[in-house]
Protein backbone atom coordinates (compact mmCIF):
# COMPACT_ATOMS: atom_id res chain seq x y z
CA MET A 1 -174.96 -160.80 152.47
CA ILE A 2 -174.36 -157.15 152.12
CA THR A 3 -177.56 -155.28 150.70
CA ILE A 4 -178.16 -151.79 148.85
CA ILE A 5 -181.26 -150.65 149.85
CA ALA A 6 -182.52 -147.16 148.79
CA ALA A 7 -185.46 -145.63 146.85
CA ALA A 8 -184.80 -143.20 143.64
CA ALA A 9 -186.49 -141.37 141.01
CA GLU A 10 -186.32 -142.75 137.15
CA ASN A 11 -183.18 -140.24 137.19
CA ASN A 12 -181.60 -141.78 139.88
CA ALA A 13 -182.75 -138.77 142.39
CA LEU A 14 -182.15 -139.76 146.02
CA GLY A 15 -182.65 -136.37 147.94
CA LYS A 16 -182.29 -132.65 147.75
CA ASP A 17 -180.99 -130.35 150.61
CA ASN A 18 -180.20 -133.78 153.11
CA ASP A 19 -184.01 -134.49 152.64
CA LEU A 20 -186.01 -137.00 150.88
CA VAL A 21 -188.17 -135.43 147.99
CA TRP A 22 -191.22 -137.78 148.42
CA HIS A 23 -193.38 -139.39 151.24
CA LEU A 24 -193.87 -143.11 150.51
CA PRO A 25 -195.63 -144.57 153.08
CA ASP A 26 -195.51 -148.11 152.11
CA ASP A 27 -191.82 -147.68 151.20
CA PHE A 28 -191.04 -146.63 154.77
CA LYS A 29 -192.75 -149.61 156.36
CA ARG A 30 -190.87 -152.05 153.92
CA PHE A 31 -187.62 -150.17 155.12
CA LYS A 32 -188.33 -151.18 158.35
CA VAL A 33 -189.46 -154.67 157.84
CA LEU A 34 -186.41 -155.40 156.24
CA THR A 35 -183.74 -153.79 158.46
CA SER A 36 -185.23 -154.28 161.52
CA GLY A 37 -182.43 -156.27 163.73
CA HIS A 38 -179.38 -155.56 161.05
CA SER A 39 -176.82 -153.27 161.35
CA ILE A 40 -177.35 -150.05 159.03
CA ILE A 41 -174.41 -148.38 157.59
CA MET A 42 -174.61 -145.15 156.42
CA GLY A 43 -172.68 -141.34 155.76
CA ARG A 44 -172.98 -138.81 158.37
CA LYS A 45 -175.10 -136.51 156.51
CA THR A 46 -177.75 -139.47 155.92
CA PHE A 47 -177.73 -140.08 159.77
CA GLU A 48 -178.29 -136.65 160.01
CA SER A 49 -180.99 -136.49 158.03
CA LEU A 50 -182.95 -139.01 160.31
CA PRO A 51 -185.31 -137.87 163.19
CA LYS A 52 -183.71 -139.89 165.44
CA THR A 53 -181.99 -143.38 165.74
CA LEU A 54 -183.85 -146.20 164.23
CA PRO A 55 -185.15 -148.67 166.64
CA ASN A 56 -184.41 -151.96 166.28
CA ARG A 57 -181.14 -151.49 164.42
CA THR A 58 -177.39 -150.45 164.71
CA HIS A 59 -176.46 -147.52 163.30
CA ILE A 60 -172.62 -147.66 161.72
CA ILE A 61 -171.72 -144.19 159.97
CA ILE A 62 -169.75 -143.55 158.25
CA THR A 63 -167.70 -139.83 158.24
CA ARG A 64 -164.27 -138.30 157.85
CA SER A 65 -164.39 -136.16 160.97
CA GLN A 66 -161.88 -137.80 164.02
CA ASP A 67 -164.20 -136.23 166.45
CA TYR A 68 -167.80 -137.08 165.32
CA LYS A 69 -170.26 -138.04 168.49
CA ALA A 70 -173.44 -139.66 167.83
CA VAL A 71 -176.20 -140.46 170.50
CA GLY A 72 -177.90 -143.96 170.79
CA ASN A 73 -177.10 -147.22 169.37
CA CYS A 74 -174.22 -146.08 166.87
CA ILE A 75 -170.65 -146.59 165.77
CA ILE A 76 -168.39 -144.45 164.43
CA VAL A 77 -166.20 -145.37 161.64
CA HIS A 78 -164.08 -143.58 159.28
CA SER A 79 -164.00 -145.94 155.92
CA LEU A 80 -166.62 -148.44 154.14
CA LYS A 81 -164.14 -151.46 155.03
CA THR A 82 -163.95 -150.35 158.62
CA ALA A 83 -168.18 -149.74 158.73
CA LEU A 84 -168.15 -153.92 157.18
CA GLN A 85 -165.94 -155.27 159.76
CA ALA A 86 -168.29 -153.37 162.53
CA ALA A 87 -171.11 -155.08 161.02
CA GLN A 88 -169.24 -159.09 160.36
CA ASN A 89 -171.63 -160.42 163.12
CA ASP A 90 -174.91 -159.87 160.91
CA ASP A 91 -175.43 -161.56 158.36
CA GLN A 92 -177.09 -158.79 156.01
CA PRO A 93 -175.86 -155.70 156.46
CA PHE A 94 -177.82 -153.15 155.03
CA ILE A 95 -176.00 -150.18 153.18
CA ILE A 96 -178.74 -146.87 153.46
CA GLY A 97 -176.84 -144.08 151.71
CA GLY A 98 -175.93 -141.22 150.90
CA GLY A 99 -175.07 -141.40 147.66
CA GLU A 100 -171.36 -141.61 147.79
CA ILE A 101 -171.24 -144.60 149.74
CA TYR A 102 -173.76 -146.16 147.20
CA LYS A 103 -171.23 -145.31 145.02
CA GLN A 104 -168.48 -147.04 147.02
CA SER A 105 -171.02 -150.20 147.98
CA MET A 106 -171.87 -151.05 144.10
CA ASP A 107 -168.60 -153.54 143.63
CA ILE A 108 -169.07 -155.11 147.01
CA ALA A 109 -172.48 -155.60 147.42
CA ASP A 110 -174.56 -158.74 146.75
CA LYS A 111 -178.22 -157.51 146.82
CA ILE A 112 -179.91 -154.60 145.67
CA LYS A 113 -183.57 -153.76 147.13
CA LEU A 114 -184.62 -150.52 145.19
CA THR A 115 -187.61 -148.67 145.23
CA ARG A 116 -188.04 -147.03 141.81
CA VAL A 117 -190.11 -144.03 142.40
CA HIS A 118 -192.30 -143.29 139.23
CA THR A 119 -191.16 -139.86 138.59
CA GLN A 120 -188.22 -137.46 137.66
CA VAL A 121 -187.22 -134.65 140.34
CA GLU A 122 -184.56 -132.44 140.62
CA ALA A 123 -182.05 -133.51 143.34
CA ASP A 124 -178.27 -132.77 144.33
CA THR A 125 -177.44 -136.49 145.46
CA TYR A 126 -178.17 -139.50 142.95
CA PHE A 127 -177.90 -143.29 143.24
CA PRO A 128 -175.25 -144.82 141.02
CA GLU A 129 -176.22 -146.28 137.63
CA ILE A 130 -177.20 -150.23 137.97
CA ASN A 131 -174.94 -151.99 135.15
CA PRO A 132 -176.75 -154.92 133.75
CA GLU A 133 -173.72 -156.99 133.05
CA GLN A 134 -173.08 -156.89 137.07
CA TRP A 135 -176.51 -156.81 138.19
CA GLU A 136 -179.37 -159.49 137.61
CA LEU A 137 -183.42 -158.57 138.40
CA ILE A 138 -184.92 -160.93 140.08
CA SER A 139 -188.36 -159.48 141.14
CA GLN A 140 -190.37 -156.40 140.98
CA GLU A 141 -194.02 -155.34 142.69
CA TYR A 142 -195.46 -152.15 141.15
CA HIS A 143 -197.63 -149.75 143.68
CA PRO A 144 -199.48 -147.47 141.81
CA GLU A 145 -200.17 -143.85 143.24
CA ASP A 146 -202.80 -143.56 145.67
CA GLU A 147 -204.07 -141.17 148.30
CA ARG A 148 -201.15 -141.58 150.33
CA HIS A 149 -198.83 -141.66 148.04
CA LYS A 150 -198.14 -139.35 145.21
CA TYR A 151 -196.04 -141.13 143.23
CA ALA A 152 -196.54 -144.93 141.82
CA PHE A 153 -193.21 -146.83 142.59
CA THR A 154 -191.85 -150.57 141.90
CA TYR A 155 -190.13 -152.41 144.57
CA LEU A 156 -187.11 -154.13 142.41
CA THR A 157 -184.69 -156.30 144.32
CA TYR A 158 -181.23 -157.17 142.46
CA ILE A 159 -178.78 -159.78 142.79
CA ARG A 160 -175.30 -159.53 141.51
CA LYS A 161 -174.78 -161.55 138.50
CA LYS A 162 -172.11 -164.54 139.12
CA LYS A 163 -168.89 -164.17 137.17
CA ALA A 164 -168.21 -166.86 134.57
């Protein structure tokens, strides 16, 4: 089961200048719980935006650069197809970004774990539209803004609709 995991504003904004545009500690904790022990597939820029390699996860980095090197528990590949082959022993690899990798993944993913941040922000990277004809919302959990979270947000889980 291939799962896309992302946090996006109401206007689908993901980030700006290779960084997130909000700080949501509870969402970071959820990301850690969900992805620990799994492969995380990402583009090079997403990898470079991480403070360090994330513990207990296999990092699969997609890049066009033939001589790209990364330190730590990383596998370098040059296409989404090859990334998925590298994760074939994982029963639930996660696609963690960025925008272009999300776009390429929408037709092959089985599930989307989206944190919808209740704001609109300026960004240079966006999450693709979720087509309601292809995706069914199966759960949602609202989190109000509080002293640790500047914005309210909702955890949304979508599964791909079965073709008729």
